[in-house]
Amino acid sequence: MLRRNSTCKKSRGFTLIEVMVAISVFATLSFSAYQVVNQVQRSNEQSLEKSNRIKALQRSLVFLDNDFRQIVARQFRINGEKADGKLLLAGEYLLDSESQGILFVRLGWKNPQQAFPRGEITKVGYRVVENKLERLWWRYPDTPVGQKPVVTPLIDGIDELKFEFYDGKKWQKKWEIKDQLPKAIKVIVTFKDYGDVERIYLTSGYKLD
């Protein structure tokens, strides 16, 4: 009798309480591991999103730098109308912008050995549409009636686009002087996440005779 009782005790399985405790411990460990993995995944997604955002900002600044640093003193026509003497246009709702817009002529459009039937200057503009900063480009500075620009979206999340102009003595909100470029142009882009980003570009300040 003693042997049988001893054998029965040895072959006995886990009790219900022991199984429940094991399940609870396993569930706790699994939940903790899931939280760690989920947090790492979210951190990676946020890092990737921030990285893409910074790349988009850098790309936008490259476009702005290339255009504003090559502004040239040249009058231009819009929709076939006679040039009014201004070397740049800027103001509220210009180019159908939801904020301010700007329009000017720039150098630097290469035409090696004059291989193409055009010059080396082009007309560009900037505006904000649906909270996106957009670059507008025309093949020729004097555009005929109905010619549409090539529109390049640069970056979203824009609250406002503003410009200021330095005449050599003070900054002005508007540029009304004809046949002359300002000494410098300040571009202020207000982002929803970064706030104000300012760039100041020196120009030739050239005045046409």
N, C-alpha and C. Protein backbone atom coordinates (compact mmCIF):
# COMPACT_ATOMS: atom_id res chain seq x y z
N MET A 1 0.83 -1.21 0.00
CA MET A 1 0.00 0.00 0.00
C MET A 1 0.85 1.25 0.00
N LEU A 2 1.92 1.24 0.70
CA LEU A 2 2.78 2.42 0.76
C LEU A 2 3.39 2.74 -0.59
N ARG A 3 3.78 1.67 -1.35
CA ARG A 3 4.36 1.91 -2.68
C ARG A 3 3.36 2.53 -3.63
N ARG A 4 2.13 2.01 -3.60
CA ARG A 4 1.12 2.56 -4.52
C ARG A 4 0.83 4.03 -4.24
N ASN A 5 0.70 4.39 -2.99
CA ASN A 5 0.45 5.79 -2.64
C ASN A 5 1.60 6.68 -3.09
N SER A 6 2.82 6.20 -2.91
CA SER A 6 3.99 6.96 -3.34
C SER A 6 4.00 7.15 -4.83
N THR A 7 3.65 6.10 -5.59
CA THR A 7 3.61 6.19 -7.06
C THR A 7 2.55 7.16 -7.53
N CYS A 8 1.42 7.17 -6.89
CA CYS A 8 0.33 8.09 -7.26
C CYS A 8 0.73 9.54 -7.03
N LYS A 9 1.45 9.78 -5.93
CA LYS A 9 1.89 11.14 -5.65
C LYS A 9 2.89 11.63 -6.68
N LYS A 10 3.78 10.76 -7.13
CA LYS A 10 4.80 11.16 -8.10
C LYS A 10 4.20 11.45 -9.46
N SER A 11 3.13 10.76 -9.88
CA SER A 11 2.55 10.94 -11.21
C SER A 11 1.48 12.03 -11.25
N ARG A 12 1.28 12.69 -10.17
CA ARG A 12 0.25 13.73 -10.13
C ARG A 12 0.67 14.93 -10.97
N GLY A 13 -0.25 15.60 -11.78
CA GLY A 13 0.06 16.76 -12.63
C GLY A 13 -0.04 18.07 -11.87
N PHE A 14 -0.02 19.21 -12.68
CA PHE A 14 -0.12 20.54 -12.07
C PHE A 14 -1.54 20.79 -11.59
N THR A 15 -1.62 21.55 -10.54
CA THR A 15 -2.95 21.96 -10.06
C THR A 15 -3.46 23.12 -10.89
N LEU A 16 -4.73 23.41 -10.76
CA LEU A 16 -5.36 24.51 -11.51
C LEU A 16 -4.73 25.85 -11.14
N ILE A 17 -4.41 26.03 -9.89
CA ILE A 17 -3.80 27.29 -9.44
C ILE A 17 -2.43 27.49 -10.09
N GLU A 18 -1.64 26.40 -10.14
CA GLU A 18 -0.32 26.49 -10.76
C GLU A 18 -0.42 26.83 -12.24
N VAL A 19 -1.41 26.24 -12.93
CA VAL A 19 -1.61 26.55 -14.36
C VAL A 19 -2.01 28.01 -14.54
N MET A 20 -2.92 28.48 -13.71
CA MET A 20 -3.37 29.87 -13.79
C MET A 20 -2.23 30.85 -13.52
N VAL A 21 -1.40 30.53 -12.54
CA VAL A 21 -0.24 31.39 -12.25
C VAL A 21 0.71 31.42 -13.44
N ALA A 22 0.97 30.26 -14.06
CA ALA A 22 1.86 30.19 -15.21
C ALA A 22 1.31 31.00 -16.38
N ILE A 23 0.00 30.87 -16.61
CA ILE A 23 -0.63 31.65 -17.70
C ILE A 23 -0.53 33.14 -17.43
N SER A 24 -0.74 33.54 -16.18
CA SER A 24 -0.67 34.96 -15.81
C SER A 24 0.74 35.51 -16.04
N VAL A 25 1.74 34.75 -15.61
CA VAL A 25 3.13 35.19 -15.79
C VAL A 25 3.46 35.31 -17.28
N PHE A 26 3.06 34.31 -18.06
CA PHE A 26 3.31 34.33 -19.51
C PHE A 26 2.61 35.51 -20.18
N ALA A 27 1.36 35.77 -19.79
CA ALA A 27 0.62 36.89 -20.36
C ALA A 27 1.28 38.23 -20.02
N THR A 28 1.74 38.35 -18.77
CA THR A 28 2.42 39.60 -18.37
C THR A 28 3.69 39.83 -19.18
N LEU A 29 4.49 38.75 -19.32
CA LEU A 29 5.72 38.86 -20.10
C LEU A 29 5.43 39.18 -21.57
N SER A 30 4.39 38.55 -22.11
CA SER A 30 4.02 38.80 -23.51
C SER A 30 3.58 40.24 -23.71
N PHE A 31 2.77 40.76 -22.78
CA PHE A 31 2.30 42.14 -22.89
C PHE A 31 3.46 43.12 -22.78
N SER A 32 4.38 42.86 -21.88
CA SER A 32 5.56 43.74 -21.73
C SER A 32 6.41 43.73 -23.00
N ALA A 33 6.60 42.52 -23.57
CA ALA A 33 7.38 42.42 -24.80
C ALA A 33 6.69 43.15 -25.95
N TYR A 34 5.35 43.05 -26.03
CA TYR A 34 4.60 43.74 -27.08
C TYR A 34 4.75 45.25 -26.94
N GLN A 35 4.69 45.75 -25.71
CA GLN A 35 4.84 47.19 -25.49
C GLN A 35 6.22 47.67 -25.95
N VAL A 36 7.24 46.89 -25.64
CA VAL A 36 8.59 47.27 -26.05
C VAL A 36 8.72 47.29 -27.57
N VAL A 37 8.22 46.22 -28.23
CA VAL A 37 8.30 46.15 -29.69
C VAL A 37 7.49 47.26 -30.33
N ASN A 38 6.29 47.52 -29.79
CA ASN A 38 5.43 48.57 -30.35
C ASN A 38 6.07 49.94 -30.20
N GLN A 39 6.70 50.18 -29.05
CA GLN A 39 7.36 51.46 -28.82
C GLN A 39 8.54 51.65 -29.77
N VAL A 40 9.30 50.58 -30.00
CA VAL A 40 10.42 50.66 -30.94
C VAL A 40 9.91 50.95 -32.36
N GLN A 41 8.82 50.28 -32.74
CA GLN A 41 8.25 50.49 -34.07
C GLN A 41 7.75 51.91 -34.23
N ARG A 42 7.05 52.43 -33.23
CA ARG A 42 6.56 53.81 -33.30
C ARG A 42 7.71 54.80 -33.35
N SER A 43 8.77 54.53 -32.59
CA SER A 43 9.93 55.42 -32.62
C SER A 43 10.58 55.43 -34.00
N ASN A 44 10.67 54.26 -34.62
CA ASN A 44 11.23 54.19 -35.97
C ASN A 44 10.37 54.94 -36.97
N GLU A 45 9.04 54.81 -36.85
CA GLU A 45 8.14 55.52 -37.75
C GLU A 45 8.26 57.03 -37.58
N GLN A 46 8.33 57.48 -36.34
CA GLN A 46 8.47 58.91 -36.08
C GLN A 46 9.81 59.44 -36.58
N SER A 47 10.87 58.65 -36.39
CA SER A 47 12.19 59.07 -36.89
C SER A 47 12.19 59.17 -38.41
N LEU A 48 11.55 58.20 -39.07
CA LEU A 48 11.47 58.23 -40.52
C LEU A 48 10.66 59.41 -41.00
N GLU A 49 9.55 59.69 -40.32
CA GLU A 49 8.71 60.83 -40.69
C GLU A 49 9.47 62.14 -40.53
N LYS A 50 10.17 62.30 -39.41
CA LYS A 50 10.96 63.51 -39.18
C LYS A 50 12.08 63.64 -40.22
N SER A 51 12.71 62.53 -40.54
CA SER A 51 13.79 62.55 -41.54
C SER A 51 13.26 62.97 -42.90
N ASN A 52 12.11 62.43 -43.31
CA ASN A 52 11.52 62.82 -44.60
C ASN A 52 11.10 64.28 -44.58
N ARG A 53 10.62 64.75 -43.44
CA ARG A 53 10.22 66.16 -43.32
C ARG A 53 11.43 67.09 -43.48
N ILE A 54 12.52 66.73 -42.84
CA ILE A 54 13.73 67.56 -42.95
C ILE A 54 14.27 67.54 -44.38
N LYS A 55 14.22 66.38 -45.04
CA LYS A 55 14.66 66.30 -46.43
C LYS A 55 13.81 67.19 -47.33
N ALA A 56 12.49 67.20 -47.10
CA ALA A 56 11.60 68.05 -47.89
C ALA A 56 11.91 69.53 -47.65
N LEU A 57 12.22 69.89 -46.41
CA LEU A 57 12.57 71.27 -46.09
C LEU A 57 13.88 71.66 -46.78
N GLN A 58 14.87 70.79 -46.70
CA GLN A 58 16.16 71.07 -47.35
C GLN A 58 16.00 71.21 -48.86
N ARG A 59 15.17 70.34 -49.46
CA ARG A 59 14.93 70.41 -50.89
C ARG A 59 14.26 71.73 -51.27
N SER A 60 13.30 72.17 -50.46
CA SER A 60 12.62 73.44 -50.72
C SER A 60 13.59 74.62 -50.64
N LEU A 61 14.47 74.59 -49.65
CA LEU A 61 15.45 75.67 -49.50
C LEU A 61 16.43 75.70 -50.66
N VAL A 62 16.75 74.54 -51.22
CA VAL A 62 17.64 74.50 -52.38
C VAL A 62 16.98 75.22 -53.56
N PHE A 63 15.69 74.96 -53.80
CA PHE A 63 14.98 75.64 -54.87
C PHE A 63 14.96 77.15 -54.63
N LEU A 64 14.64 77.56 -53.40
CA LEU A 64 14.60 78.98 -53.08
C LEU A 64 15.96 79.63 -53.29
N ASP A 65 17.00 78.98 -52.79
CA ASP A 65 18.36 79.53 -52.93
C ASP A 65 18.75 79.70 -54.40
N ASN A 66 18.51 78.66 -55.19
CA ASN A 66 18.91 78.71 -56.60
C ASN A 66 18.18 79.83 -57.35
N ASP A 67 16.92 80.04 -57.03
CA ASP A 67 16.14 81.05 -57.75
C ASP A 67 16.46 82.46 -57.29
N PHE A 68 16.39 82.70 -55.99
CA PHE A 68 16.54 84.07 -55.48
C PHE A 68 17.97 84.58 -55.63
N ARG A 69 18.94 83.71 -55.64
CA ARG A 69 20.33 84.17 -55.78
C ARG A 69 20.68 84.52 -57.22
N GLN A 70 19.78 84.23 -58.15
CA GLN A 70 20.06 84.52 -59.56
C GLN A 70 19.02 85.45 -60.18
N ILE A 71 18.38 86.27 -59.33
CA ILE A 71 17.42 87.24 -59.86
C ILE A 71 18.15 88.22 -60.77
N VAL A 72 17.54 88.51 -61.90
CA VAL A 72 18.13 89.42 -62.87
C VAL A 72 17.18 90.59 -63.10
N ALA A 73 17.76 91.75 -63.36
CA ALA A 73 16.97 92.96 -63.63
C ALA A 73 16.45 92.91 -65.06
N ARG A 74 15.27 92.36 -65.20
CA ARG A 74 14.69 92.22 -66.54
C ARG A 74 13.17 92.32 -66.44
N GLN A 75 12.57 93.22 -67.21
CA GLN A 75 11.12 93.32 -67.23
C GLN A 75 10.53 92.09 -67.92
N PHE A 76 9.26 91.83 -67.64
CA PHE A 76 8.62 90.65 -68.23
C PHE A 76 7.15 90.93 -68.48
N ARG A 77 6.60 90.13 -69.38
CA ARG A 77 5.19 90.23 -69.74
C ARG A 77 4.41 89.08 -69.11
N ILE A 78 3.14 89.37 -68.78
CA ILE A 78 2.24 88.37 -68.24
C ILE A 78 0.99 88.33 -69.11
N ASN A 79 0.66 87.14 -69.62
CA ASN A 79 -0.51 86.97 -70.48
C ASN A 79 -0.49 87.92 -71.68
N GLY A 80 0.69 88.16 -72.21
CA GLY A 80 0.81 88.99 -73.39
C GLY A 80 0.68 90.48 -73.15
N GLU A 81 0.44 90.88 -71.92
CA GLU A 81 0.29 92.31 -71.62
C GLU A 81 1.64 93.01 -71.60
N LYS A 82 1.61 94.28 -71.85
CA LYS A 82 2.83 95.07 -71.87
C LYS A 82 3.45 95.13 -70.48
N ALA A 83 4.77 95.02 -70.40
CA ALA A 83 5.46 95.10 -69.12
C ALA A 83 5.22 96.46 -68.47
N ASP A 84 5.00 96.46 -67.15
CA ASP A 84 4.68 97.71 -66.45
C ASP A 84 5.89 98.36 -65.81
N GLY A 85 7.07 97.83 -66.08
CA GLY A 85 8.29 98.45 -65.55
C GLY A 85 8.82 97.83 -64.28
N LYS A 86 8.03 96.99 -63.60
CA LYS A 86 8.50 96.36 -62.37
C LYS A 86 9.36 95.15 -62.70
N LEU A 87 10.44 94.99 -61.94
CA LEU A 87 11.36 93.88 -62.15
C LEU A 87 10.99 92.66 -61.31
N LEU A 88 10.09 92.84 -60.37
CA LEU A 88 9.50 91.72 -59.63
C LEU A 88 8.14 92.13 -59.13
N LEU A 89 7.27 91.14 -59.00
CA LEU A 89 5.94 91.35 -58.47
C LEU A 89 5.78 90.53 -57.20
N ALA A 90 5.18 91.12 -56.18
CA ALA A 90 4.94 90.41 -54.93
C ALA A 90 3.73 91.03 -54.25
N GLY A 91 2.93 90.19 -53.63
CA GLY A 91 1.77 90.70 -52.93
C GLY A 91 0.78 89.60 -52.57
N GLU A 92 -0.26 90.01 -51.85
CA GLU A 92 -1.29 89.08 -51.43
C GLU A 92 -2.03 88.50 -52.63
N TYR A 93 -2.24 87.20 -52.59
CA TYR A 93 -3.04 86.46 -53.57
C TYR A 93 -2.46 86.47 -54.98
N LEU A 94 -1.22 86.95 -55.13
CA LEU A 94 -0.58 86.89 -56.44
C LEU A 94 -0.39 85.43 -56.86
N LEU A 95 -0.62 85.13 -58.12
CA LEU A 95 -0.53 83.76 -58.65
C LEU A 95 -1.54 82.82 -57.99
N ASP A 96 -2.68 83.41 -57.55
CA ASP A 96 -3.72 82.63 -56.88
C ASP A 96 -3.24 82.02 -55.58
N SER A 97 -2.32 82.69 -54.93
CA SER A 97 -1.78 82.20 -53.66
C SER A 97 -2.76 82.45 -52.53
N GLU A 98 -2.79 81.54 -51.57
CA GLU A 98 -3.60 81.72 -50.37
C GLU A 98 -2.92 82.68 -49.40
N SER A 99 -1.67 82.99 -49.63
CA SER A 99 -0.90 83.92 -48.83
C SER A 99 -0.29 84.92 -49.82
N GLN A 100 0.92 85.36 -49.58
CA GLN A 100 1.59 86.19 -50.57
C GLN A 100 2.21 85.33 -51.66
N GLY A 101 2.42 85.93 -52.81
CA GLY A 101 3.11 85.28 -53.91
C GLY A 101 4.16 86.22 -54.47
N ILE A 102 5.08 85.68 -55.27
CA ILE A 102 6.14 86.49 -55.86
C ILE A 102 6.45 85.97 -57.25
N LEU A 103 6.90 86.88 -58.11
CA LEU A 103 7.19 86.55 -59.51
C LEU A 103 8.37 87.38 -59.97
N PHE A 104 9.37 86.72 -60.62
CA PHE A 104 10.55 87.43 -61.08
C PHE A 104 11.25 86.60 -62.16
N VAL A 105 12.29 87.20 -62.73
CA VAL A 105 13.09 86.54 -63.77
C VAL A 105 14.46 86.20 -63.19
N ARG A 106 14.98 85.03 -63.55
CA ARG A 106 16.27 84.60 -63.04
C ARG A 106 17.17 84.11 -64.17
N LEU A 107 18.47 84.16 -63.88
CA LEU A 107 19.48 83.63 -64.79
C LEU A 107 19.73 82.15 -64.49
N GLY A 108 20.65 81.56 -65.24
CA GLY A 108 21.17 80.25 -64.88
C GLY A 108 20.53 79.07 -65.56
N TRP A 109 19.63 79.31 -66.52
CA TRP A 109 19.06 78.19 -67.25
C TRP A 109 19.96 77.91 -68.44
N LYS A 110 20.84 76.95 -68.28
CA LYS A 110 21.90 76.72 -69.24
C LYS A 110 21.37 76.36 -70.64
N ASN A 111 22.03 76.92 -71.65
CA ASN A 111 21.71 76.63 -73.05
C ASN A 111 23.04 76.49 -73.79
N PRO A 112 23.71 75.33 -73.63
CA PRO A 112 25.07 75.16 -74.18
C PRO A 112 25.12 75.40 -75.69
N GLN A 113 26.00 76.33 -76.09
CA GLN A 113 26.21 76.66 -77.50
C GLN A 113 24.91 77.05 -78.20
N GLN A 114 23.97 77.59 -77.38
CA GLN A 114 22.68 78.04 -77.93
C GLN A 114 22.00 76.93 -78.75
N ALA A 115 22.05 75.72 -78.21
CA ALA A 115 21.50 74.56 -78.92
C ALA A 115 19.98 74.57 -78.99
N PHE A 116 19.33 75.31 -78.07
CA PHE A 116 17.87 75.35 -78.04
C PHE A 116 17.38 76.75 -78.41
N PRO A 117 16.18 76.85 -78.97
CA PRO A 117 15.66 78.14 -79.40
C PRO A 117 15.12 78.96 -78.22
N ARG A 118 15.99 79.30 -77.32
CA ARG A 118 15.63 80.09 -76.14
C ARG A 118 16.88 80.74 -75.58
N GLY A 119 16.69 81.60 -74.60
CA GLY A 119 17.81 82.23 -73.92
C GLY A 119 18.21 81.45 -72.68
N GLU A 120 18.92 82.12 -71.77
CA GLU A 120 19.37 81.49 -70.54
C GLU A 120 18.68 82.09 -69.32
N ILE A 121 17.57 82.77 -69.55
CA ILE A 121 16.79 83.31 -68.44
C ILE A 121 15.39 82.69 -68.47
N THR A 122 14.76 82.65 -67.32
CA THR A 122 13.42 82.08 -67.21
C THR A 122 12.66 82.81 -66.12
N LYS A 123 11.37 82.68 -66.14
CA LYS A 123 10.51 83.33 -65.14
C LYS A 123 10.03 82.30 -64.13
N VAL A 124 10.12 82.64 -62.84
CA VAL A 124 9.69 81.74 -61.78
C VAL A 124 8.83 82.49 -60.77
N GLY A 125 8.06 81.75 -60.04
CA GLY A 125 7.24 82.34 -59.00
C GLY A 125 7.02 81.35 -57.87
N TYR A 126 6.55 81.87 -56.73
CA TYR A 126 6.25 81.04 -55.56
C TYR A 126 4.90 81.44 -54.99
N ARG A 127 4.17 80.44 -54.49
CA ARG A 127 2.86 80.68 -53.90
C ARG A 127 2.55 79.57 -52.90
N VAL A 128 1.43 79.76 -52.17
CA VAL A 128 0.94 78.74 -51.24
C VAL A 128 -0.48 78.36 -51.66
N VAL A 129 -0.70 77.07 -51.92
CA VAL A 129 -2.01 76.56 -52.29
C VAL A 129 -2.29 75.32 -51.44
N GLU A 130 -3.42 75.33 -50.75
CA GLU A 130 -3.80 74.23 -49.86
C GLU A 130 -2.68 73.89 -48.89
N ASN A 131 -2.10 74.94 -48.30
CA ASN A 131 -1.03 74.81 -47.30
C ASN A 131 0.23 74.15 -47.85
N LYS A 132 0.41 74.20 -49.17
CA LYS A 132 1.62 73.68 -49.80
C LYS A 132 2.38 74.81 -50.48
N LEU A 133 3.69 74.83 -50.28
CA LEU A 133 4.53 75.77 -50.99
C LEU A 133 4.80 75.23 -52.39
N GLU A 134 4.48 76.04 -53.41
CA GLU A 134 4.63 75.61 -54.79
C GLU A 134 5.55 76.55 -55.55
N ARG A 135 6.34 75.97 -56.45
CA ARG A 135 7.20 76.73 -57.35
C ARG A 135 6.58 76.69 -58.75
N LEU A 136 6.48 77.86 -59.38
CA LEU A 136 5.93 77.97 -60.72
C LEU A 136 7.06 78.37 -61.67
N TRP A 137 7.05 77.78 -62.84
CA TRP A 137 8.12 78.02 -63.80
C TRP A 137 7.54 78.14 -65.21
N TRP A 138 8.02 79.17 -65.92
CA TRP A 138 7.65 79.37 -67.31
C TRP A 138 8.90 79.27 -68.18
N ARG A 139 8.74 78.72 -69.35
CA ARG A 139 9.88 78.52 -70.23
C ARG A 139 10.47 79.84 -70.71
N TYR A 140 9.59 80.84 -70.91
CA TYR A 140 10.04 82.14 -71.40
C TYR A 140 9.58 83.23 -70.44
N PRO A 141 10.36 84.30 -70.28
CA PRO A 141 9.95 85.38 -69.36
C PRO A 141 8.75 86.17 -69.85
N ASP A 142 8.54 86.23 -71.17
CA ASP A 142 7.38 86.94 -71.72
C ASP A 142 6.37 85.90 -72.19
N THR A 143 5.36 85.68 -71.36
CA THR A 143 4.41 84.61 -71.64
C THR A 143 3.20 85.15 -72.39
N PRO A 144 2.73 84.41 -73.39
CA PRO A 144 1.54 84.81 -74.12
C PRO A 144 0.27 84.51 -73.32
N VAL A 145 -0.85 84.91 -73.87
CA VAL A 145 -2.13 84.69 -73.21
C VAL A 145 -2.43 83.19 -73.08
N GLY A 146 -2.81 82.79 -71.88
CA GLY A 146 -3.23 81.41 -71.66
C GLY A 146 -2.14 80.40 -71.41
N GLN A 147 -0.88 80.81 -71.44
CA GLN A 147 0.19 79.84 -71.21
C GLN A 147 0.28 79.49 -69.72
N LYS A 148 0.18 78.20 -69.42
CA LYS A 148 0.19 77.75 -68.03
C LYS A 148 1.61 77.44 -67.58
N PRO A 149 1.91 77.70 -66.32
CA PRO A 149 3.25 77.37 -65.80
C PRO A 149 3.38 75.91 -65.44
N VAL A 150 4.60 75.47 -65.28
CA VAL A 150 4.88 74.15 -64.71
C VAL A 150 4.91 74.32 -63.19
N VAL A 151 4.06 73.58 -62.49
CA VAL A 151 3.91 73.73 -61.04
C VAL A 151 4.61 72.57 -60.34
N THR A 152 5.50 72.91 -59.41
CA THR A 152 6.22 71.90 -58.63
C THR A 152 5.89 72.07 -57.15
N PRO A 153 5.11 71.15 -56.54
CA PRO A 153 4.89 71.21 -55.09
C PRO A 153 6.19 70.91 -54.35
N LEU A 154 6.51 71.74 -53.37
CA LEU A 154 7.76 71.59 -52.65
C LEU A 154 7.58 70.97 -51.26
N ILE A 155 6.70 71.55 -50.45
CA ILE A 155 6.52 71.06 -49.08
C ILE A 155 5.16 71.49 -48.57
N ASP A 156 4.55 70.67 -47.72
CA ASP A 156 3.24 71.01 -47.17
C ASP A 156 3.39 71.49 -45.72
N GLY A 157 2.24 71.72 -45.09
CA GLY A 157 2.28 72.20 -43.70
C GLY A 157 2.67 73.66 -43.59
N ILE A 158 2.29 74.48 -44.60
CA ILE A 158 2.65 75.90 -44.62
C ILE A 158 1.46 76.73 -44.14
N ASP A 159 1.70 77.62 -43.20
CA ASP A 159 0.66 78.53 -42.73
C ASP A 159 0.69 79.86 -43.47
N GLU A 160 1.90 80.33 -43.81
CA GLU A 160 1.99 81.68 -44.41
C GLU A 160 3.31 81.83 -45.16
N LEU A 161 3.26 82.64 -46.22
CA LEU A 161 4.45 82.99 -46.99
C LEU A 161 4.48 84.50 -47.12
N LYS A 162 5.59 85.11 -46.70
CA LYS A 162 5.70 86.57 -46.71
C LYS A 162 7.06 86.98 -47.28
N PHE A 163 7.11 88.23 -47.76
CA PHE A 163 8.34 88.79 -48.32
C PHE A 163 8.54 90.21 -47.80
N GLU A 164 9.80 90.57 -47.60
CA GLU A 164 10.18 91.94 -47.27
C GLU A 164 11.34 92.34 -48.17
N PHE A 165 11.48 93.67 -48.39
CA PHE A 165 12.44 94.16 -49.37
C PHE A 165 13.28 95.28 -48.76
N TYR A 166 14.59 95.18 -48.95
CA TYR A 166 15.52 96.17 -48.39
C TYR A 166 15.96 97.14 -49.47
N ASP A 167 15.72 98.43 -49.24
CA ASP A 167 16.04 99.44 -50.25
C ASP A 167 17.39 100.10 -50.05
N GLY A 168 18.17 99.59 -49.10
CA GLY A 168 19.47 100.17 -48.78
C GLY A 168 19.46 100.93 -47.47
N LYS A 169 18.25 101.25 -46.97
CA LYS A 169 18.12 101.97 -45.70
C LYS A 169 17.20 101.25 -44.72
N LYS A 170 16.12 100.69 -45.22
CA LYS A 170 15.16 100.04 -44.34
C LYS A 170 14.42 98.93 -45.10
N TRP A 171 13.78 98.06 -44.32
CA TRP A 171 12.98 96.98 -44.89
C TRP A 171 11.57 97.48 -45.18
N GLN A 172 11.02 97.07 -46.30
CA GLN A 172 9.68 97.46 -46.70
C GLN A 172 8.82 96.22 -46.92
N LYS A 173 7.53 96.37 -46.63
CA LYS A 173 6.59 95.27 -46.83
C LYS A 173 6.25 95.08 -48.31
N LYS A 174 6.33 96.15 -49.10
CA LYS A 174 6.00 96.07 -50.52
C LYS A 174 7.14 96.68 -51.32
N TRP A 175 7.23 96.27 -52.58
CA TRP A 175 8.23 96.83 -53.48
C TRP A 175 7.52 97.42 -54.68
N GLU A 176 7.45 98.75 -54.71
CA GLU A 176 6.72 99.45 -55.76
C GLU A 176 7.64 100.21 -56.72
N ILE A 177 8.94 100.19 -56.48
CA ILE A 177 9.87 100.95 -57.31
C ILE A 177 10.05 100.25 -58.65
N LYS A 178 9.82 100.97 -59.71
CA LYS A 178 9.95 100.40 -61.04
C LYS A 178 11.39 100.45 -61.53
N ASP A 179 11.71 99.54 -62.43
CA ASP A 179 13.02 99.50 -63.09
C ASP A 179 14.19 99.34 -62.13
N GLN A 180 13.93 98.81 -60.95
CA GLN A 180 15.02 98.62 -59.98
C GLN A 180 14.73 97.42 -59.08
N LEU A 181 15.79 96.69 -58.77
CA LEU A 181 15.69 95.58 -57.83
C LEU A 181 15.99 96.07 -56.41
N PRO A 182 15.40 95.48 -55.39
CA PRO A 182 15.80 95.81 -54.02
C PRO A 182 17.21 95.32 -53.75
N LYS A 183 17.82 95.85 -52.72
CA LYS A 183 19.17 95.42 -52.34
C LYS A 183 19.17 94.00 -51.78
N ALA A 184 18.08 93.63 -51.14
CA ALA A 184 17.96 92.30 -50.56
C ALA A 184 16.48 91.95 -50.44
N ILE A 185 16.21 90.65 -50.42
CA ILE A 185 14.85 90.14 -50.27
C ILE A 185 14.83 89.16 -49.11
N LYS A 186 13.88 89.36 -48.21
CA LYS A 186 13.70 88.44 -47.08
C LYS A 186 12.49 87.56 -47.37
N VAL A 187 12.70 86.25 -47.30
CA VAL A 187 11.63 85.28 -47.50
C VAL A 187 11.30 84.67 -46.14
N ILE A 188 10.04 84.76 -45.73
CA ILE A 188 9.61 84.23 -44.44
C ILE A 188 8.55 83.17 -44.69
N VAL A 189 8.87 81.92 -44.38
CA VAL A 189 7.94 80.80 -44.53
C VAL A 189 7.54 80.32 -43.14
N THR A 190 6.24 80.38 -42.86
CA THR A 190 5.74 79.95 -41.55
C THR A 190 5.20 78.53 -41.66
N PHE A 191 5.85 77.61 -40.95
CA PHE A 191 5.45 76.20 -40.93
C PHE A 191 4.58 75.90 -39.72
N LYS A 192 3.72 74.91 -39.86
CA LYS A 192 2.90 74.49 -38.73
C LYS A 192 3.75 73.86 -37.63
N ASP A 193 4.85 73.20 -37.99
CA ASP A 193 5.67 72.50 -37.00
C ASP A 193 6.96 73.23 -36.67
N TYR A 194 7.56 73.92 -37.64
CA TYR A 194 8.85 74.57 -37.40
C TYR A 194 8.73 76.05 -37.06
N GLY A 195 7.56 76.63 -37.24
CA GLY A 195 7.43 78.07 -37.03
C GLY A 195 8.01 78.84 -38.22
N ASP A 196 8.54 80.03 -37.96
CA ASP A 196 9.08 80.88 -39.03
C ASP A 196 10.48 80.43 -39.44
N VAL A 197 10.66 80.27 -40.73
CA VAL A 197 11.97 80.01 -41.31
C VAL A 197 12.28 81.17 -42.25
N GLU A 198 13.35 81.91 -41.96
CA GLU A 198 13.68 83.12 -42.73
C GLU A 198 14.95 82.90 -43.55
N ARG A 199 14.94 83.46 -44.75
CA ARG A 199 16.12 83.46 -45.61
C ARG A 199 16.25 84.87 -46.19
N ILE A 200 17.46 85.40 -46.19
CA ILE A 200 17.72 86.71 -46.77
C ILE A 200 18.66 86.54 -47.95
N TYR A 201 18.25 87.08 -49.09
CA TYR A 201 19.02 86.95 -50.33
C TYR A 201 19.43 88.33 -50.83
N LEU A 202 20.73 88.49 -51.02
CA LEU A 202 21.24 89.73 -51.60
C LEU A 202 21.02 89.70 -53.11
N THR A 203 20.69 90.85 -53.66
CA THR A 203 20.56 90.97 -55.10
C THR A 203 21.55 92.01 -55.62
N SER A 204 21.57 92.19 -56.92
CA SER A 204 22.47 93.19 -57.48
C SER A 204 22.00 94.61 -57.19
N GLY A 205 20.70 94.76 -56.86
CA GLY A 205 20.16 96.09 -56.66
C GLY A 205 20.21 96.94 -57.92
N TYR A 206 20.30 96.28 -59.05
CA TYR A 206 20.51 96.99 -60.32
C TYR A 206 19.29 97.85 -60.69
N LYS A 207 19.58 99.00 -61.29
CA LYS A 207 18.54 99.91 -61.75
C LYS A 207 18.69 100.12 -63.24
N LEU A 208 17.59 99.87 -63.95
CA LEU A 208 17.62 100.06 -65.40
C LEU A 208 17.61 101.55 -65.74
N ASP A 209 18.34 101.90 -66.80
CA ASP A 209 18.35 103.29 -67.25
C ASP A 209 17.04 103.59 -67.97
